[in-house]
Amino acid sequence: MKNVPKKSMHMKSTIIREIIFMDRLLVKKLKEKKIKINTKRFWYLSMEEVIGCKMSMFLGSKNKLADEMIKFLVKEKSSNYKIISLRIDNVRENKSLEKKLKSLSIDLNIDVECIVRNMLQ
């Protein structure tokens, strides 16, 4: 932890919904509990930087992330919010999201910033 800078070089945005942080969690049940878990076990949590607004979605598989996030980003663009940066960790499903964003026919102009896994936002 000595090599971690005490202050971040990241400049906090002042425009609402300009930068979004996103991460995935897996909902598991305890082995000794007889609790039924929903089939949508993958929880994706997004946080907007300026006001801290949190958005979440539950998906049945990790492969659906790219399509669902693109629907969300297109909806945000149609609502006149200009998202310029999406901060994600560099796991497989996030890499597929990044590829699909680059290959879209609609130009969303979103910069995807990959960060180290388990890094504090």
C-alpha atoms as a PDB file:
ATOM      1  CA  MET A   1       0.000   0.000   0.000  1.00  0.00           C
ATOM      2  CA  LYS A   2       3.031   2.284   0.121  1.00  0.00           C
ATOM      3  CA  ASN A   3       2.901   2.790  -3.656  1.00  0.00           C
ATOM      4  CA  VAL A   4      -0.704   3.995  -3.628  1.00  0.00           C
ATOM      5  CA  PRO A   5      -0.825   7.791  -3.875  1.00  0.00           C
ATOM      6  CA  LYS A   6      -2.411   9.576  -0.932  1.00  0.00           C
ATOM      7  CA  LYS A   7      -4.444  11.792  -3.249  1.00  0.00           C
ATOM      8  CA  SER A   8      -6.100  10.737  -6.480  1.00  0.00           C
ATOM      9  CA  MET A   9      -5.186  12.460  -9.737  1.00  0.00           C
ATOM     10  CA  HIS A  10      -8.769  11.930 -10.917  1.00  0.00           C
ATOM     11  CA  MET A  11     -10.598  15.222 -11.478  1.00  0.00           C
ATOM     12  CA  LYS A  12     -14.143  14.945 -10.171  1.00  0.00           C
ATOM     13  CA  SER A  13     -16.777  15.866 -12.713  1.00  0.00           C
ATOM     14  CA  THR A  14     -19.171  18.768 -12.189  1.00  0.00           C
ATOM     15  CA  ILE A  15     -21.670  17.698 -14.860  1.00  0.00           C
ATOM     16  CA  ILE A  16     -24.422  15.291 -13.822  1.00  0.00           C
ATOM     17  CA  ARG A  17     -24.136  11.798 -15.364  1.00  0.00           C
ATOM     18  CA  GLU A  18     -20.896  12.612 -17.129  1.00  0.00           C
ATOM     19  CA  ILE A  19     -18.898   9.821 -15.420  1.00  0.00           C
ATOM     20  CA  ILE A  20     -20.387   6.496 -14.320  1.00  0.00           C
ATOM     21  CA  PHE A  21     -18.657   3.810 -12.247  1.00  0.00           C
ATOM     22  CA  MET A  22     -19.879   0.240 -12.672  1.00  0.00           C
ATOM     23  CA  ASP A  23     -19.212  -3.040 -10.864  1.00  0.00           C
ATOM     24  CA  ARG A  24     -20.677  -6.551 -10.602  1.00  0.00           C
ATOM     25  CA  LEU A  25     -21.605  -8.614  -7.564  1.00  0.00           C
ATOM     26  CA  LEU A  26     -22.743 -12.211  -7.369  1.00  0.00           C
ATOM     27  CA  VAL A  27     -25.647 -13.062  -5.060  1.00  0.00           C
ATOM     28  CA  LYS A  28     -25.001 -16.417  -3.351  1.00  0.00           C
ATOM     29  CA  LYS A  29     -26.972 -18.316  -0.770  1.00  0.00           C
ATOM     30  CA  LEU A  30     -25.469 -19.874   2.318  1.00  0.00           C
ATOM     31  CA  LYS A  31     -25.254 -23.667   2.130  1.00  0.00           C
ATOM     32  CA  GLU A  32     -26.991 -24.220   5.452  1.00  0.00           C
ATOM     33  CA  LYS A  33     -29.905 -21.919   4.634  1.00  0.00           C
ATOM     34  CA  LYS A  34     -32.947 -23.222   2.750  1.00  0.00           C
ATOM     35  CA  ILE A  35     -33.518 -19.923   0.962  1.00  0.00           C
ATOM     36  CA  LYS A  36     -34.623 -19.823  -2.658  1.00  0.00           C
ATOM     37  CA  ILE A  37     -32.478 -17.445  -4.718  1.00  0.00           C
ATOM     38  CA  ASN A  38     -33.839 -15.652  -7.750  1.00  0.00           C
ATOM     39  CA  THR A  39     -32.454 -16.782 -11.110  1.00  0.00           C
ATOM     40  CA  LYS A  40     -31.116 -13.272 -11.717  1.00  0.00           C
ATOM     41  CA  ARG A  41     -28.065 -13.657  -9.492  1.00  0.00           C
ATOM     42  CA  PHE A  42     -25.720 -11.137 -11.132  1.00  0.00           C
ATOM     43  CA  TRP A  43     -26.160  -7.682  -9.639  1.00  0.00           C
ATOM     44  CA  TYR A  44     -24.698  -4.779 -11.606  1.00  0.00           C
ATOM     45  CA  LEU A  45     -24.398  -1.567  -9.669  1.00  0.00           C
ATOM     46  CA  SER A  46     -23.669   1.748 -11.364  1.00  0.00           C
ATOM     47  CA  MET A  47     -22.938   4.982  -9.550  1.00  0.00           C
ATOM     48  CA  GLU A  48     -22.999   8.450 -11.020  1.00  0.00           C
ATOM     49  CA  GLU A  49     -20.066  10.537  -9.787  1.00  0.00           C
ATOM     50  CA  VAL A  50     -21.480  14.025  -9.086  1.00  0.00           C
ATOM     51  CA  ILE A  51     -24.643  13.368  -7.071  1.00  0.00           C
ATOM     52  CA  GLY A  52     -23.918   9.732  -6.198  1.00  0.00           C
ATOM     53  CA  CYS A  53     -27.093   8.417  -7.817  1.00  0.00           C
ATOM     54  CA  LYS A  54     -26.990   4.624  -7.826  1.00  0.00           C
ATOM     55  CA  MET A  55     -28.641   2.470 -10.472  1.00  0.00           C
ATOM     56  CA  SER A  56     -28.787  -1.293 -10.341  1.00  0.00           C
ATOM     57  CA  MET A  57     -29.930  -4.165 -12.507  1.00  0.00           C
ATOM     58  CA  PHE A  58     -30.137  -7.891 -11.919  1.00  0.00           C
ATOM     59  CA  LEU A  59     -29.256 -10.212 -14.788  1.00  0.00           C
ATOM     60  CA  GLY A  60     -29.520 -13.970 -15.213  1.00  0.00           C
ATOM     61  CA  SER A  61     -26.107 -14.272 -16.865  1.00  0.00           C
ATOM     62  CA  LYS A  62     -22.974 -12.195 -17.289  1.00  0.00           C
ATOM     63  CA  ASN A  63     -23.316 -12.378 -21.084  1.00  0.00           C
ATOM     64  CA  LYS A  64     -26.403 -10.128 -21.054  1.00  0.00           C
ATOM     65  CA  LEU A  65     -24.510  -7.178 -19.576  1.00  0.00           C
ATOM     66  CA  ALA A  66     -23.367  -5.617 -22.855  1.00  0.00           C
ATOM     67  CA  ASP A  67     -26.853  -5.536 -24.407  1.00  0.00           C
ATOM     68  CA  GLU A  68     -28.550  -4.229 -21.249  1.00  0.00           C
ATOM     69  CA  MET A  69     -25.915  -1.532 -20.646  1.00  0.00           C
ATOM     70  CA  ILE A  70     -26.121  -0.362 -24.261  1.00  0.00           C
ATOM     71  CA  LYS A  71     -29.924  -0.051 -23.914  1.00  0.00           C
ATOM     72  CA  PHE A  72     -29.358   2.000 -20.745  1.00  0.00           C
ATOM     73  CA  LEU A  73     -26.739   4.256 -22.391  1.00  0.00           C
ATOM     74  CA  VAL A  74     -28.920   4.870 -25.469  1.00  0.00           C
ATOM     75  CA  LYS A  75     -31.838   5.742 -23.165  1.00  0.00           C
ATOM     76  CA  GLU A  76     -29.625   8.194 -21.261  1.00  0.00           C
ATOM     77  CA  LYS A  77     -28.489   9.821 -24.512  1.00  0.00           C
ATOM     78  CA  SER A  78     -32.109  10.206 -25.661  1.00  0.00           C
ATOM     79  CA  SER A  79     -32.837  11.887 -22.299  1.00  0.00           C
ATOM     80  CA  ASN A  80     -30.167  14.508 -23.159  1.00  0.00           C
ATOM     81  CA  TYR A  81     -27.600  13.246 -20.621  1.00  0.00           C
ATOM     82  CA  LYS A  82     -24.130  13.117 -22.123  1.00  0.00           C
ATOM     83  CA  ILE A  83     -22.161  10.276 -20.546  1.00  0.00           C
ATOM     84  CA  ILE A  84     -18.537  10.703 -21.582  1.00  0.00           C
ATOM     85  CA  SER A  85     -16.783   8.149 -19.387  1.00  0.00           C
ATOM     86  CA  LEU A  86     -17.606   4.690 -18.075  1.00  0.00           C
ATOM     87  CA  ARG A  87     -15.206   3.280 -15.442  1.00  0.00           C
ATOM     88  CA  ILE A  88     -15.234  -0.525 -15.246  1.00  0.00           C
ATOM     89  CA  ASP A  89     -12.884  -3.280 -14.157  1.00  0.00           C
ATOM     90  CA  ASN A  90     -11.281  -5.331 -16.905  1.00  0.00           C
ATOM     91  CA  VAL A  91     -13.152  -8.647 -16.649  1.00  0.00           C
ATOM     92  CA  ARG A  92     -14.438 -10.555 -19.680  1.00  0.00           C
ATOM     93  CA  GLU A  93     -18.023  -9.269 -19.734  1.00  0.00           C
ATOM     94  CA  ASN A  94     -16.854  -5.668 -19.437  1.00  0.00           C
ATOM     95  CA  LYS A  95     -14.423  -6.183 -22.318  1.00  0.00           C
ATOM     96  CA  SER A  96     -17.319  -7.427 -24.474  1.00  0.00           C
ATOM     97  CA  LEU A  97     -19.274  -4.293 -23.499  1.00  0.00           C
ATOM     98  CA  GLU A  98     -16.330  -2.152 -24.595  1.00  0.00           C
ATOM     99  CA  LYS A  99     -16.126  -3.971 -27.973  1.00  0.00           C
ATOM    100  CA  LYS A 100     -19.872  -3.586 -28.591  1.00  0.00           C
ATOM    101  CA  LEU A 101     -19.721   0.130 -27.761  1.00  0.00           C
ATOM    102  CA  LYS A 102     -16.986   0.603 -30.366  1.00  0.00           C
ATOM    103  CA  SER A 103     -18.875  -1.368 -33.031  1.00  0.00           C
ATOM    104  CA  LEU A 104     -22.260   0.359 -32.595  1.00  0.00           C
ATOM    105  CA  SER A 105     -23.897   2.110 -35.515  1.00  0.00           C
ATOM    106  CA  ILE A 106     -25.052   4.832 -33.088  1.00  0.00           C
ATOM    107  CA  ASP A 107     -22.072   6.864 -31.944  1.00  0.00           C
ATOM    108  CA  LEU A 108     -22.392   7.315 -28.169  1.00  0.00           C
ATOM    109  CA  ASN A 109     -18.902   8.879 -27.786  1.00  0.00           C
ATOM    110  CA  ILE A 110     -18.257   7.119 -24.473  1.00  0.00           C
ATOM    111  CA  ASP A 111     -14.708   6.656 -23.251  1.00  0.00           C
ATOM    112  CA  VAL A 112     -14.381   3.295 -21.474  1.00  0.00           C
ATOM    113  CA  GLU A 113     -11.771   3.417 -18.731  1.00  0.00           C
ATOM    114  CA  CYS A 114     -10.669   0.039 -17.417  1.00  0.00           C
ATOM    115  CA  ILE A 115      -9.409   0.014 -13.853  1.00  0.00           C
ATOM    116  CA  VAL A 116      -7.759  -2.669 -11.755  1.00  0.00           C
ATOM    117  CA  ARG A 117     -10.170  -5.182 -10.271  1.00  0.00           C
ATOM    118  CA  ASN A 118     -11.135  -4.572  -6.601  1.00  0.00           C
ATOM    119  CA  MET A 119      -9.791  -1.029  -6.776  1.00  0.00           C
ATOM    120  CA  LEU A 120     -11.741   1.460  -4.713  1.00  0.00           C
ATOM    121  CA  GLN A 121     -13.744   3.872  -6.866  1.00  0.00           C
END
